[in-house]
Amino acid sequence: MDTRDADDDAGLLKAAYRTVTPGYDARSDDEMNAIGWAIFLGIAALLLPLLPFAIIVWGVSKVIGAITGEADGEE
């Protein structure tokens, strides 16, 4: 027979330990947001001048596809 009481559970926390580590106060990461925006703007500044060439290549491929009779999605 079990001699323990029904509400004597070894898995429950009886007391919390105090720690010397200070608590964490949540705050926004403005520094990381600034770095993320800087990287995004740098990539956009590098790739934006290439956009007209990409549009030209896409347009030429569509025209060639229409002339040769090849449609998108069909094999």
N, C-alpha and C. Protein backbone atom coordinates (compact mmCIF):
# COMPACT_ATOMS: atom_id res chain seq x y z
N MET A 1 0.83 -1.17 0.00
CA MET A 1 0.00 0.00 0.00
C MET A 1 0.88 1.24 0.00
N ASP A 2 0.34 2.28 -0.57
CA ASP A 2 1.06 3.55 -0.65
C ASP A 2 0.76 4.36 0.60
N THR A 3 1.83 4.79 1.31
CA THR A 3 1.66 5.52 2.57
C THR A 3 1.64 7.03 2.36
N ARG A 4 1.79 7.50 1.11
CA ARG A 4 1.78 8.95 0.86
C ARG A 4 0.36 9.47 0.83
N ASP A 5 0.22 10.74 1.15
CA ASP A 5 -1.08 11.40 1.03
C ASP A 5 -1.39 11.63 -0.44
N ALA A 6 -2.64 11.82 -0.77
CA ALA A 6 -3.06 12.02 -2.16
C ALA A 6 -2.53 13.34 -2.72
N ASP A 7 -2.42 14.38 -1.89
CA ASP A 7 -1.94 15.67 -2.40
C ASP A 7 -0.46 15.88 -2.15
N ASP A 8 0.29 14.86 -1.80
CA ASP A 8 1.74 14.95 -1.64
C ASP A 8 2.37 14.49 -2.95
N ASP A 9 2.57 15.44 -3.87
CA ASP A 9 3.11 15.11 -5.19
C ASP A 9 4.54 15.62 -5.28
N ALA A 10 5.47 14.73 -5.58
CA ALA A 10 6.89 15.10 -5.66
C ALA A 10 7.17 15.98 -6.87
N GLY A 11 6.28 16.01 -7.86
CA GLY A 11 6.50 16.80 -9.05
C GLY A 11 6.13 18.26 -8.91
N LEU A 12 5.42 18.62 -7.88
CA LEU A 12 5.02 20.01 -7.70
C LEU A 12 6.12 20.80 -7.02
N LEU A 13 6.26 22.04 -7.42
CA LEU A 13 7.25 22.93 -6.86
C LEU A 13 6.76 23.47 -5.51
N LYS A 14 7.51 23.20 -4.48
CA LYS A 14 7.11 23.64 -3.13
C LYS A 14 7.61 25.05 -2.83
N ALA A 15 8.83 25.37 -3.27
CA ALA A 15 9.40 26.68 -3.01
C ALA A 15 10.24 27.08 -4.21
N ALA A 16 10.26 28.35 -4.52
CA ALA A 16 11.04 28.85 -5.64
C ALA A 16 12.42 29.28 -5.14
N TYR A 17 13.44 29.01 -5.91
CA TYR A 17 14.79 29.42 -5.54
C TYR A 17 15.02 30.85 -5.98
N ARG A 18 15.62 31.62 -5.14
CA ARG A 18 15.99 32.99 -5.49
C ARG A 18 17.33 32.94 -6.21
N THR A 19 17.54 33.86 -7.12
CA THR A 19 18.75 33.85 -7.92
C THR A 19 19.43 35.22 -7.87
N VAL A 20 20.72 35.23 -8.16
CA VAL A 20 21.46 36.50 -8.19
C VAL A 20 21.36 37.16 -9.55
N THR A 21 20.84 36.44 -10.53
CA THR A 21 20.69 37.00 -11.87
C THR A 21 19.51 37.97 -11.88
N PRO A 22 19.74 39.18 -12.39
CA PRO A 22 18.62 40.13 -12.41
C PRO A 22 17.55 39.68 -13.40
N GLY A 23 16.32 40.06 -13.14
CA GLY A 23 15.23 39.71 -14.03
C GLY A 23 15.37 40.39 -15.37
N TYR A 24 14.70 39.81 -16.36
CA TYR A 24 14.75 40.36 -17.71
C TYR A 24 13.50 41.20 -17.95
N ASP A 25 13.70 42.46 -18.28
CA ASP A 25 12.60 43.33 -18.65
C ASP A 25 12.54 43.40 -20.16
N ALA A 26 11.44 42.98 -20.72
CA ALA A 26 11.30 42.95 -22.18
C ALA A 26 11.33 44.37 -22.72
N ARG A 27 12.03 44.54 -23.82
CA ARG A 27 12.09 45.84 -24.49
C ARG A 27 12.23 45.59 -25.97
N SER A 28 11.99 46.60 -26.77
CA SER A 28 12.12 46.44 -28.22
C SER A 28 13.60 46.46 -28.60
N ASP A 29 13.92 45.75 -29.65
CA ASP A 29 15.30 45.69 -30.13
C ASP A 29 15.50 46.72 -31.24
N ASP A 30 15.57 47.99 -30.85
CA ASP A 30 15.71 49.06 -31.83
C ASP A 30 17.03 48.97 -32.59
N GLU A 31 18.08 48.53 -31.92
CA GLU A 31 19.38 48.42 -32.59
C GLU A 31 19.32 47.38 -33.71
N MET A 32 18.72 46.23 -33.42
CA MET A 32 18.62 45.18 -34.44
C MET A 32 17.68 45.59 -35.56
N ASN A 33 16.63 46.33 -35.23
CA ASN A 33 15.74 46.83 -36.27
C ASN A 33 16.48 47.78 -37.20
N ALA A 34 17.33 48.62 -36.65
CA ALA A 34 18.10 49.56 -37.47
C ALA A 34 19.07 48.82 -38.38
N ILE A 35 19.70 47.77 -37.86
CA ILE A 35 20.62 46.98 -38.68
C ILE A 35 19.85 46.27 -39.79
N GLY A 36 18.69 45.73 -39.48
CA GLY A 36 17.87 45.06 -40.49
C GLY A 36 17.44 46.01 -41.60
N TRP A 37 17.01 47.19 -41.23
CA TRP A 37 16.61 48.17 -42.24
C TRP A 37 17.82 48.61 -43.08
N ALA A 38 18.98 48.75 -42.46
CA ALA A 38 20.17 49.15 -43.21
C ALA A 38 20.55 48.08 -44.23
N ILE A 39 20.47 46.81 -43.84
CA ILE A 39 20.77 45.72 -44.78
C ILE A 39 19.75 45.70 -45.91
N PHE A 40 18.46 45.84 -45.56
CA PHE A 40 17.42 45.86 -46.59
C PHE A 40 17.64 47.00 -47.58
N LEU A 41 17.91 48.20 -47.08
CA LEU A 41 18.11 49.34 -47.97
C LEU A 41 19.37 49.17 -48.82
N GLY A 42 20.41 48.56 -48.24
CA GLY A 42 21.62 48.31 -49.03
C GLY A 42 21.37 47.33 -50.16
N ILE A 43 20.66 46.25 -49.88
CA ILE A 43 20.34 45.27 -50.93
C ILE A 43 19.43 45.90 -51.98
N ALA A 44 18.45 46.70 -51.54
CA ALA A 44 17.55 47.37 -52.48
C ALA A 44 18.32 48.34 -53.37
N ALA A 45 19.28 49.06 -52.80
CA ALA A 45 20.08 50.00 -53.59
C ALA A 45 20.94 49.27 -54.61
N LEU A 46 21.38 48.05 -54.27
CA LEU A 46 22.18 47.28 -55.22
C LEU A 46 21.33 46.64 -56.31
N LEU A 47 20.15 46.15 -55.96
CA LEU A 47 19.34 45.40 -56.91
C LEU A 47 18.37 46.26 -57.72
N LEU A 48 18.00 47.42 -57.22
CA LEU A 48 17.06 48.27 -57.93
C LEU A 48 17.56 48.70 -59.31
N PRO A 49 18.83 49.04 -59.49
CA PRO A 49 19.30 49.37 -60.85
C PRO A 49 19.24 48.18 -61.82
N LEU A 50 19.20 46.95 -61.31
CA LEU A 50 19.12 45.78 -62.18
C LEU A 50 17.70 45.46 -62.60
N LEU A 51 16.72 46.08 -61.98
CA LEU A 51 15.33 45.79 -62.27
C LEU A 51 14.94 46.05 -63.73
N PRO A 52 15.36 47.15 -64.37
CA PRO A 52 15.00 47.32 -65.79
C PRO A 52 15.54 46.20 -66.68
N PHE A 53 16.75 45.73 -66.40
CA PHE A 53 17.31 44.64 -67.20
C PHE A 53 16.52 43.34 -67.00
N ALA A 54 16.10 43.09 -65.77
CA ALA A 54 15.30 41.90 -65.49
C ALA A 54 13.96 41.98 -66.21
N ILE A 55 13.36 43.16 -66.26
CA ILE A 55 12.09 43.34 -66.97
C ILE A 55 12.28 43.14 -68.46
N ILE A 56 13.38 43.65 -69.00
CA ILE A 56 13.66 43.47 -70.43
C ILE A 56 13.85 42.00 -70.77
N VAL A 57 14.61 41.28 -69.95
CA VAL A 57 14.83 39.85 -70.19
C VAL A 57 13.51 39.09 -70.10
N TRP A 58 12.68 39.41 -69.12
CA TRP A 58 11.37 38.76 -68.97
C TRP A 58 10.49 39.05 -70.19
N GLY A 59 10.47 40.30 -70.63
CA GLY A 59 9.65 40.68 -71.80
C GLY A 59 10.11 40.00 -73.07
N VAL A 60 11.43 39.96 -73.29
CA VAL A 60 11.97 39.30 -74.48
C VAL A 60 11.64 37.81 -74.46
N SER A 61 11.73 37.18 -73.28
CA SER A 61 11.41 35.75 -73.21
C SER A 61 9.93 35.51 -73.49
N LYS A 62 9.05 36.42 -73.06
CA LYS A 62 7.62 36.30 -73.37
C LYS A 62 7.36 36.45 -74.86
N VAL A 63 8.03 37.41 -75.48
CA VAL A 63 7.86 37.62 -76.92
C VAL A 63 8.37 36.41 -77.70
N ILE A 64 9.52 35.91 -77.35
CA ILE A 64 10.07 34.73 -78.04
C ILE A 64 9.16 33.52 -77.82
N GLY A 65 8.64 33.37 -76.61
CA GLY A 65 7.73 32.27 -76.33
C GLY A 65 6.44 32.38 -77.16
N ALA A 66 5.94 33.60 -77.35
CA ALA A 66 4.72 33.80 -78.15
C ALA A 66 4.99 33.53 -79.63
N ILE A 67 6.17 33.92 -80.11
CA ILE A 67 6.51 33.69 -81.52
C ILE A 67 6.68 32.21 -81.82
N THR A 68 7.36 31.50 -80.93
CA THR A 68 7.62 30.07 -81.17
C THR A 68 6.43 29.20 -80.78
N GLY A 69 5.42 29.75 -80.16
CA GLY A 69 4.24 28.99 -79.81
C GLY A 69 4.33 28.27 -78.49
N GLU A 70 5.33 28.54 -77.71
CA GLU A 70 5.47 27.90 -76.39
C GLU A 70 4.69 28.73 -75.37
N ALA A 71 3.78 28.08 -74.66
CA ALA A 71 3.00 28.76 -73.63
C ALA A 71 3.54 28.37 -72.26
N ASP A 72 3.38 29.26 -71.28
CA ASP A 72 3.83 28.96 -69.93
C ASP A 72 2.98 27.84 -69.34
N GLY A 73 3.62 26.92 -68.64
CA GLY A 73 2.91 25.86 -67.93
C GLY A 73 2.59 24.66 -68.77
N GLU A 74 2.74 24.73 -70.07
CA GLU A 74 2.46 23.57 -70.93
C GLU A 74 3.75 22.91 -71.34
N GLU A 75 3.72 21.59 -71.46
CA GLU A 75 4.94 20.86 -71.85
C GLU A 75 4.75 20.22 -73.18
